[in-house]
Amino acid sequence: MEHLIGRQKEIEKLKRYADSRKSEFIAIYGRRRVGKTYLIREVFEEQFAFQITGLANATMSDQLSQFHAALLQYSTKDAGIEPAKNWMMAFRQLIKLLEQKETKGKKVVFLDELPWLDTHKSKFLTGLEHFWNSWASARRDVLLIVCGSAASWMIKNLLNNRGGLHNRTTGRIKLEPFNFAETEAFFKYKKAVFDRYQIVMLYMVFGGIPYYLDNIDPGLSAPQNINALCFERNALFRSEYDNLYASLFNRSERHTAVVETLAQKKKGLTRGEISKITELSNGGGLTRILNELEESTFIRHYRSFGNKEKNTIYQLIDPYSLFYLNFIKKSSPDDELFWVNAIDTSIYKAWSGYAFEMACLHHIPQIKMALGISGVQTSVSSWYDEKVQVDLVIDRKDQVVNLCEMKFSIHPFSITKKYADNLRNKIGTFREITKTRKAIFLTLITSHGIVQNKYAYLAQNSLSMDDLFVV
């Protein structure tokens, strides 16, 4: 496991499941390319009693053939296993195989890309239910791990199953993208010498997706990498967007319609507004789409601070999707130096400010830790008025509200007279409209801290990007 970066909580969970005194049924889910398969293979290495990976866009016959090949691989040479005609027969063969195996610990069964195994009308779930309910759950020596990127399938058929697998999973692990600290550790492992400013810049485009980060060239600067991976004629990330959503969701055009609608409104939209713009019915179908997008870390939901009507707002926060829709999709393949030439332009400055805000929203625990309020009960929201907006509001139980301003720049940020007046107006407007009686602490989160000039006192708290580089 020396090659694993981060994932300590997940590793500890998996070890507890492996050491428990009962059989365990563990579901691991998360978006495409986040490292689910890699985690399981690194933790259990050569301990698999049986392992199979589903085939994309394959028939039931192809999947059963793959299952049969795996049975032969993990059995003795003279096992004489015949190809199964259906999934009930296939899982009975798996039971027989496992009963014959002698292992020191639990018999680890890993079914990877589970949604792909469940082809139309194949009754795969019936076979899986039979395997777990009638055999594995009655034992103490089975560790069944199932994994899949297709969020629609995993949520509907496994996590929220109303049939034979209802409440059968004994553990769930949602694998999140890397944070800043894990991204930095990943680059160090890859022997890539990027300073934290460049790491944040890369994160603002690719997020903390290990596969994306693995494509970054250590010999190029952050802007050069972004240009090569996103804007050259055959760049990898020109086509990733469509592949990403299609691999995760059934009828993914509905999900991309929501994502592309949210990309047009930085602060986000209510579900009513989303329904109106996308022409998707404001019912259970839209609820499912929003839940699936949120479970896959593409969007977040929040309520505006002090909003008594409690209208939930949905906001697109996935770095790559935002970057693709704002830049890659609109660029010409002929302009292969688009991003290098965009540095220091107004377009770049507008994007970097907003992208840094979104990156900070992925690091709320680190912000709370830096403020010394990790143990204080809080609620996180945003707040908008006709003329004033606050992208991050931390409402604390100790009678304090942190209004957070996020600024990305290559130098320490200087509060000018004009910006100081803007801040005073923002605080005054916030207090007047929300009627809050709590103390208001202005918190500046910047890339390199703030210049200690005569206006610096306005910020009760000043955090730099270094404060966010903690696990």
Foldseek 3Di string as FASTA:
>chain_A
DVLDFDCPVVLVVVVCQQPDQFEAAEEEEAFPLQQPVVVVCVSCPPQALFEFEADAPDDLLVLQVRLVVRLCVNADVPPPDDRDPALLSSLVSVVVSVVPDDDPTANEYEYEQVVRNDDPPRCNVVNVLCNVVVPRRVHRRHYYYYYHNQLLCCVDPAVPNPPSNHVVGPYYHYRDADALQSLVVNCVVVVQDDDSLQSLVLCLAQNRRVVVSVPADSVDTSLVRCLQQQQALPHVLLPVVVVRQVRHYDVSVLLVLLLLVQLVPALFAFLVVSCVRSVPDSDPVSVSSLVSCVSNVQKDWAAAPLPPVRGIGIHGLRSNSSCCSVPRVPDDNVPSSVRVVCPPPPVVQVSVQSSQLSSVVVQVCLVCVVVVNNVWDWDWHWHDDPPETQGIWIGTPVQEIEREHEHEDPDAAECDPVNLVVVVVRVVVCCVPSVRPGHYAYEYEYAYWHDPDPSPVNHPYYHHVVSRNDD
